[in-house]
N, C-alpha and C. Protein backbone atom coordinates (compact mmCIF):
# COMPACT_ATOMS: atom_id res chain seq x y z
N MET A 1 -9.09 26.71 7.27
CA MET A 1 -7.60 26.02 7.25
C MET A 1 -7.73 24.69 6.89
N ASN A 2 -7.07 24.07 6.09
CA ASN A 2 -6.99 22.73 5.64
C ASN A 2 -6.31 21.96 6.82
N ASN A 3 -6.82 20.55 6.78
CA ASN A 3 -6.34 19.62 7.88
C ASN A 3 -4.71 19.41 7.61
N PRO A 4 -3.94 19.35 8.47
CA PRO A 4 -2.47 19.29 8.26
C PRO A 4 -2.23 17.97 7.88
N LYS A 5 -1.07 17.66 6.90
CA LYS A 5 -0.85 16.27 6.42
C LYS A 5 -0.44 15.33 7.64
N LYS A 6 -0.68 14.33 7.47
CA LYS A 6 -0.29 13.16 8.35
C LYS A 6 0.74 12.34 7.71
N VAL A 7 1.49 11.64 8.50
CA VAL A 7 2.68 10.73 7.85
C VAL A 7 2.10 9.75 6.79
N GLU A 8 0.93 9.11 7.14
CA GLU A 8 0.17 8.28 6.13
C GLU A 8 -0.43 8.97 4.85
N ASP A 9 -0.54 9.97 4.92
CA ASP A 9 -1.26 10.65 3.66
C ASP A 9 -0.71 10.51 2.39
N ALA A 10 0.74 10.50 2.45
CA ALA A 10 1.59 10.14 1.22
C ALA A 10 1.08 8.73 0.63
N PHE A 11 1.09 7.85 1.43
CA PHE A 11 0.51 6.46 0.85
C PHE A 11 -0.72 6.65 0.15
N TYR A 12 -1.66 7.21 0.80
CA TYR A 12 -3.07 7.29 0.16
C TYR A 12 -3.11 8.34 -1.00
N GLU A 13 -2.30 9.32 -1.11
CA GLU A 13 -2.19 10.21 -2.25
C GLU A 13 -1.63 9.30 -3.48
N SER A 14 -0.86 8.33 -3.20
CA SER A 14 -0.21 7.52 -4.28
C SER A 14 -1.29 6.94 -5.38
N PHE A 15 -2.48 6.80 -4.69
CA PHE A 15 -3.55 6.23 -5.48
C PHE A 15 -4.19 7.29 -6.37
N MET A 16 -3.76 8.51 -6.25
CA MET A 16 -4.44 9.66 -7.32
C MET A 16 -3.99 9.89 -8.35
N SER A 17 -2.86 8.98 -8.89
CA SER A 17 -2.38 9.01 -10.12
C SER A 17 -2.85 8.15 -11.01
N GLY A 18 -4.29 7.93 -10.95
CA GLY A 18 -4.88 7.06 -11.94
C GLY A 18 -5.14 5.47 -11.47
N TYR A 19 -4.82 5.20 -10.19
CA TYR A 19 -5.02 4.05 -9.77
C TYR A 19 -6.34 3.86 -9.02
N ARG A 20 -7.55 3.27 -9.71
CA ARG A 20 -8.77 3.31 -9.22
C ARG A 20 -8.84 1.88 -8.29
N VAL A 21 -8.35 2.30 -7.09
CA VAL A 21 -8.26 1.09 -5.94
C VAL A 21 -9.38 1.49 -4.82
N SER A 22 -10.17 0.68 -4.62
CA SER A 22 -11.36 0.99 -3.64
C SER A 22 -10.55 1.55 -2.27
N GLU A 23 -11.51 2.18 -1.52
CA GLU A 23 -10.66 2.62 -0.14
C GLU A 23 -10.58 1.48 0.68
N GLU A 24 -11.54 0.56 0.75
CA GLU A 24 -11.29 -0.65 1.44
C GLU A 24 -9.86 -1.37 1.17
N TRP A 25 -9.63 -1.39 -0.14
CA TRP A 25 -8.45 -2.22 -0.63
C TRP A 25 -7.29 -1.30 -0.39
N GLN A 26 -7.45 0.00 -0.40
CA GLN A 26 -6.14 0.86 -0.08
C GLN A 26 -5.82 0.66 1.42
N LYS A 27 -7.04 0.45 2.22
CA LYS A 27 -6.67 0.02 3.70
C LYS A 27 -5.94 -1.10 3.82
N GLU A 28 -6.18 -2.08 3.12
CA GLU A 28 -5.78 -3.51 3.11
C GLU A 28 -4.24 -3.28 2.68
N LEU A 29 -3.83 -2.51 1.79
CA LEU A 29 -2.61 -2.44 1.24
C LEU A 29 -1.80 -1.67 2.35
N TYR A 30 -2.34 -0.64 2.91
CA TYR A 30 -1.54 0.16 4.01
C TYR A 30 -1.25 -0.73 4.98
N SER A 31 -2.29 -1.55 5.54
CA SER A 31 -1.89 -2.59 6.53
C SER A 31 -0.80 -3.53 6.16
N TYR A 32 -0.84 -4.01 4.96
CA TYR A 32 0.28 -4.94 4.47
C TYR A 32 1.60 -4.19 4.42
N VAL A 33 1.67 -3.29 3.50
CA VAL A 33 2.80 -2.53 3.02
C VAL A 33 3.40 -1.80 4.23
N VAL A 34 2.67 -0.84 4.78
CA VAL A 34 3.31 -0.01 5.66
C VAL A 34 3.53 -0.68 7.20
N LEU A 35 2.47 -1.39 7.67
CA LEU A 35 2.58 -1.95 8.98
C LEU A 35 2.87 -3.44 8.85
N GLY A 36 2.96 -4.20 7.91
CA GLY A 36 3.37 -5.50 7.77
C GLY A 36 2.56 -6.42 8.35
N LEU A 37 1.14 -6.11 8.43
CA LEU A 37 0.27 -7.17 8.66
C LEU A 37 -0.20 -8.02 7.71
N PRO A 38 -0.47 -9.43 8.12
CA PRO A 38 -0.69 -10.32 7.20
C PRO A 38 -2.05 -10.14 6.45
N PRO A 39 -2.07 -10.34 5.09
CA PRO A 39 -3.41 -10.16 4.49
C PRO A 39 -4.12 -11.35 4.30
N GLY A 40 -5.47 -11.25 3.95
CA GLY A 40 -6.09 -12.44 3.81
C GLY A 40 -5.93 -13.15 2.32
N GLY A 41 -6.46 -14.30 2.29
CA GLY A 41 -6.25 -15.17 1.18
C GLY A 41 -6.15 -14.74 -0.15
N PHE A 42 -7.23 -13.90 -0.27
CA PHE A 42 -7.36 -13.12 -1.77
C PHE A 42 -6.14 -12.12 -2.11
N HIS A 43 -5.89 -11.28 -0.99
CA HIS A 43 -4.91 -10.24 -1.18
C HIS A 43 -3.59 -10.96 -1.33
N THR A 44 -3.23 -11.95 -0.42
CA THR A 44 -2.08 -12.78 -0.41
C THR A 44 -1.81 -13.23 -1.89
N ALA A 45 -2.73 -13.85 -2.54
CA ALA A 45 -2.50 -14.19 -3.81
C ALA A 45 -2.44 -13.26 -5.00
N VAL A 46 -3.16 -12.14 -4.80
CA VAL A 46 -2.83 -10.94 -5.68
C VAL A 46 -1.46 -10.36 -5.28
N TYR A 47 -0.97 -10.22 -4.23
CA TYR A 47 0.46 -9.75 -4.01
C TYR A 47 1.50 -10.60 -4.46
N ALA A 48 1.05 -11.97 -4.44
CA ALA A 48 2.13 -13.07 -4.83
C ALA A 48 2.15 -13.04 -6.46
N GLY A 49 1.08 -12.51 -6.94
CA GLY A 49 1.15 -12.41 -8.39
C GLY A 49 0.36 -13.82 -8.88
N ASP A 50 -0.34 -14.44 -8.23
CA ASP A 50 -1.00 -15.78 -8.43
C ASP A 50 -2.51 -15.41 -8.60
N LEU A 51 -2.59 -15.04 -9.94
CA LEU A 51 -4.22 -14.28 -10.24
C LEU A 51 -5.07 -15.42 -10.31
N MET A 52 -4.68 -16.85 -10.64
CA MET A 52 -5.60 -17.87 -10.53
C MET A 52 -6.15 -18.27 -9.20
N MET A 53 -5.16 -18.13 -8.24
CA MET A 53 -5.71 -18.21 -6.81
C MET A 53 -6.38 -17.24 -6.42
N ALA A 54 -6.19 -15.94 -6.81
CA ALA A 54 -6.83 -14.73 -6.50
C ALA A 54 -8.33 -14.92 -6.99
N ALA A 55 -8.59 -15.33 -8.21
CA ALA A 55 -9.77 -15.58 -8.80
C ALA A 55 -10.61 -16.59 -8.01
N ALA A 56 -9.95 -17.62 -7.43
CA ALA A 56 -10.41 -18.58 -6.79
C ALA A 56 -10.99 -18.01 -5.36
N LYS A 57 -10.39 -17.05 -4.72
CA LYS A 57 -10.56 -16.78 -3.40
C LYS A 57 -11.30 -15.28 -3.52
N SER A 58 -11.60 -14.96 -4.71
CA SER A 58 -12.24 -13.57 -4.91
C SER A 58 -13.59 -13.61 -4.43
N HIS A 59 -14.11 -12.65 -3.76
CA HIS A 59 -15.45 -12.32 -3.50
C HIS A 59 -16.25 -12.13 -5.08
N VAL A 60 -17.51 -12.57 -4.99
CA VAL A 60 -18.02 -12.33 -6.21
C VAL A 60 -18.38 -10.85 -6.71
N LEU A 61 -18.22 -10.02 -5.79
CA LEU A 61 -18.50 -8.38 -6.05
C LEU A 61 -17.06 -7.81 -6.49
N ASN A 62 -16.08 -8.52 -6.35
CA ASN A 62 -14.85 -7.92 -6.75
C ASN A 62 -14.80 -8.07 -8.42
N ASP A 63 -14.37 -6.86 -8.84
CA ASP A 63 -14.33 -6.82 -10.29
C ASP A 63 -12.88 -6.71 -10.84
N TRP A 64 -12.61 -7.16 -12.05
CA TRP A 64 -11.21 -7.32 -12.57
C TRP A 64 -10.62 -6.06 -12.89
N GLN A 65 -11.29 -5.15 -13.03
CA GLN A 65 -10.85 -3.68 -13.40
C GLN A 65 -10.16 -3.19 -12.05
N ASN A 66 -10.67 -3.35 -10.92
CA ASN A 66 -10.23 -3.03 -9.72
C ASN A 66 -8.93 -3.86 -9.39
N ILE A 67 -9.14 -5.21 -9.54
CA ILE A 67 -8.01 -5.98 -9.27
C ILE A 67 -6.85 -5.49 -10.13
N SER A 68 -6.97 -5.30 -11.36
CA SER A 68 -6.05 -4.82 -12.45
C SER A 68 -5.42 -3.51 -11.95
N SER A 69 -6.17 -2.75 -11.25
CA SER A 69 -5.71 -1.38 -10.94
C SER A 69 -4.81 -1.60 -9.75
N MET A 70 -5.12 -2.42 -8.82
CA MET A 70 -4.51 -2.78 -7.73
C MET A 70 -3.17 -3.46 -8.13
N CYS A 71 -2.93 -4.47 -9.33
CA CYS A 71 -1.82 -4.85 -9.54
C CYS A 71 -1.01 -3.86 -10.18
N LYS A 72 -1.59 -2.96 -10.84
CA LYS A 72 -0.71 -1.73 -11.43
C LYS A 72 0.02 -0.94 -10.40
N TRP A 73 -1.01 -0.73 -9.41
CA TRP A 73 -0.18 0.19 -8.32
C TRP A 73 0.95 -0.55 -7.65
N LEU A 74 0.53 -1.92 -7.29
CA LEU A 74 1.94 -2.76 -6.83
C LEU A 74 3.17 -2.67 -7.65
N MET A 75 2.87 -2.85 -8.80
CA MET A 75 4.13 -2.78 -9.86
C MET A 75 4.88 -1.63 -9.99
N ASN A 76 3.94 -0.36 -9.83
CA ASN A 76 4.54 0.86 -10.24
C ASN A 76 4.84 1.68 -8.88
N VAL A 77 4.22 1.36 -7.72
CA VAL A 77 4.28 2.34 -6.62
C VAL A 77 4.87 1.70 -5.48
N ALA A 78 4.36 0.26 -5.20
CA ALA A 78 4.85 -0.38 -3.85
C ALA A 78 6.21 -0.90 -3.89
N PRO A 79 6.92 -1.03 -2.79
CA PRO A 79 8.12 -1.57 -2.85
C PRO A 79 8.41 -2.85 -3.48
N ARG A 80 9.34 -3.13 -4.37
CA ARG A 80 9.46 -4.15 -4.97
C ARG A 80 9.49 -5.51 -4.37
N GLN A 81 10.07 -5.37 -3.10
CA GLN A 81 10.28 -6.55 -2.13
C GLN A 81 8.89 -7.25 -1.50
N CYS A 82 7.85 -6.34 -1.71
CA CYS A 82 6.59 -6.98 -1.02
C CYS A 82 5.60 -7.62 -2.14
N TRP A 83 6.02 -7.79 -3.25
CA TRP A 83 5.10 -8.45 -4.27
C TRP A 83 5.64 -9.17 -5.19
N GLY A 84 5.07 -10.12 -5.91
CA GLY A 84 5.62 -10.82 -7.04
C GLY A 84 5.76 -12.41 -6.76
N SER A 85 5.83 -12.83 -5.64
CA SER A 85 5.79 -14.18 -5.31
C SER A 85 5.32 -14.37 -3.78
N TYR A 86 4.94 -15.86 -3.48
CA TYR A 86 4.60 -16.10 -2.04
C TYR A 86 5.98 -15.94 -1.24
N GLU A 87 7.08 -16.11 -1.66
CA GLU A 87 8.28 -16.03 -0.90
C GLU A 87 8.49 -14.26 -0.58
N ASN A 88 8.22 -13.58 -1.64
CA ASN A 88 8.38 -12.05 -1.23
C ASN A 88 7.38 -11.77 -0.20
N VAL A 89 6.06 -12.11 -0.40
CA VAL A 89 5.06 -11.87 0.62
C VAL A 89 5.50 -12.33 1.96
N GLU A 90 5.89 -13.50 2.06
CA GLU A 90 6.45 -14.21 3.55
C GLU A 90 7.63 -13.31 3.89
N ALA A 91 8.60 -12.93 3.02
CA ALA A 91 9.76 -12.22 3.40
C ALA A 91 9.14 -10.76 4.00
N TRP A 92 8.34 -10.25 3.35
CA TRP A 92 7.97 -8.91 3.59
C TRP A 92 7.18 -8.98 5.08
N LEU A 93 6.49 -9.80 5.44
CA LEU A 93 5.79 -10.03 6.65
C LEU A 93 6.89 -10.29 7.71
N LYS A 94 7.91 -10.84 7.49
CA LYS A 94 9.12 -10.99 8.59
C LYS A 94 9.84 -9.74 8.83
N LEU A 95 9.74 -8.86 8.20
CA LEU A 95 10.49 -7.44 8.27
C LEU A 95 9.91 -6.95 9.64
N SER A 96 10.79 -6.21 10.32
CA SER A 96 10.24 -5.28 11.60
C SER A 96 9.55 -4.01 11.01
N PRO A 97 8.93 -3.57 11.90
CA PRO A 97 8.18 -2.22 11.74
C PRO A 97 9.08 -1.15 11.53
N ALA A 98 10.22 -1.23 11.80
CA ALA A 98 11.32 -0.09 11.62
C ALA A 98 11.55 -0.44 10.04
N GLU A 99 11.96 -1.64 9.66
CA GLU A 99 12.39 -1.75 8.45
C GLU A 99 11.18 -1.51 7.30
N HIS A 100 9.88 -1.90 7.60
CA HIS A 100 8.74 -1.41 6.81
C HIS A 100 8.75 0.15 6.67
N LYS A 101 8.97 0.72 7.88
CA LYS A 101 8.87 2.23 7.83
C LYS A 101 10.00 2.81 6.98
N LYS A 102 11.29 2.29 7.14
CA LYS A 102 12.54 2.75 6.26
C LYS A 102 12.09 2.73 4.87
N ILE A 103 11.74 1.46 4.47
CA ILE A 103 11.50 1.14 3.01
C ILE A 103 10.38 2.10 2.59
N CYS A 104 9.30 2.14 3.18
CA CYS A 104 8.16 3.07 2.68
C CYS A 104 8.58 4.68 2.82
N LEU A 105 9.42 5.06 3.68
CA LEU A 105 10.07 6.40 3.46
C LEU A 105 10.72 6.59 2.26
N GLU A 106 11.71 5.57 2.02
CA GLU A 106 12.59 5.64 0.67
C GLU A 106 11.56 5.67 -0.55
N LYS A 107 10.58 4.76 -0.48
CA LYS A 107 9.57 4.80 -1.71
C LYS A 107 8.49 6.12 -1.65
N ARG A 108 8.70 7.26 -0.91
CA ARG A 108 7.88 8.11 -0.62
C ARG A 108 6.41 7.83 -0.23
N LEU A 109 6.17 6.69 0.30
CA LEU A 109 4.94 6.25 0.75
C LEU A 109 4.44 6.75 1.97
N LEU A 110 5.37 7.45 2.67
CA LEU A 110 4.99 7.95 3.97
C LEU A 110 5.74 9.40 4.03
N TYR A 111 5.22 10.46 4.65
CA TYR A 111 5.84 11.71 4.74
C TYR A 111 6.64 11.53 6.13
N THR A 112 7.77 12.28 6.10
CA THR A 112 8.65 12.22 7.40
C THR A 112 7.90 13.05 8.35
N GLU A 113 8.39 12.84 9.44
CA GLU A 113 7.74 13.55 10.64
C GLU A 113 8.10 15.23 10.50
N GLN A 114 9.31 15.39 9.79
CA GLN A 114 9.71 16.76 9.46
C GLN A 114 8.84 17.48 8.40
N GLU A 115 8.49 16.65 7.39
CA GLU A 115 7.57 17.29 6.44
C GLU A 115 6.07 17.59 6.97
N VAL A 116 5.67 16.65 8.05
CA VAL A 116 4.49 16.98 8.56
C VAL A 116 4.52 18.39 9.31
N VAL A 117 5.55 18.44 10.12
CA VAL A 117 5.76 19.61 10.85
C VAL A 117 5.92 20.93 9.90
N TRP A 118 6.64 20.72 8.94
CA TRP A 118 6.61 22.05 8.11
C TRP A 118 5.16 22.18 7.35
N ASN A 119 4.68 21.27 7.00
CA ASN A 119 3.08 21.39 6.46
C ASN A 119 2.36 22.25 7.65
N ILE A 120 2.42 21.65 8.75
CA ILE A 120 1.75 22.45 9.99
C ILE A 120 1.95 23.81 9.92
N ILE A 121 3.22 24.11 9.88
CA ILE A 121 3.81 25.52 10.01
C ILE A 121 3.42 26.35 8.87
N LYS A 122 3.54 25.81 7.68
CA LYS A 122 2.97 26.25 6.37
C LYS A 122 1.40 26.82 6.48
N GLU A 123 0.75 25.79 7.00
CA GLU A 123 -0.67 25.82 7.12
C GLU A 123 -1.07 27.05 8.06
N LYS A 124 -0.38 27.29 9.08
CA LYS A 124 -0.56 28.32 10.03
C LYS A 124 -0.19 29.62 9.65
N SER A 125 0.72 29.79 8.50
CA SER A 125 1.24 30.92 8.25
C SER A 125 0.18 31.87 7.28
């Protein structure tokens, strides 16, 4: 039997469409986009679209192909409100957990509890 889907699986599945984002960065994105936790300086700069600052704050082992892939994921998958400027990042961080969840559900970055239950029933059949 497969493991039943969890609410957050939809988020991680969104990277399977050709977005080569490291598992570590996927977790950083989840913490920021879904949970509303403040990112570090490098990620804040990337989310704000300030790639000059991101380059200055980047670890030497970060490569631009991964950074580019993360930017493409933000532009094509993430809620528009959470990236693009420092003001957007700041406003995103001020949202409540319920607002983050609502927006992520609308963007299909989370499964609903009902979808999870149906998946469990389907797995057991």
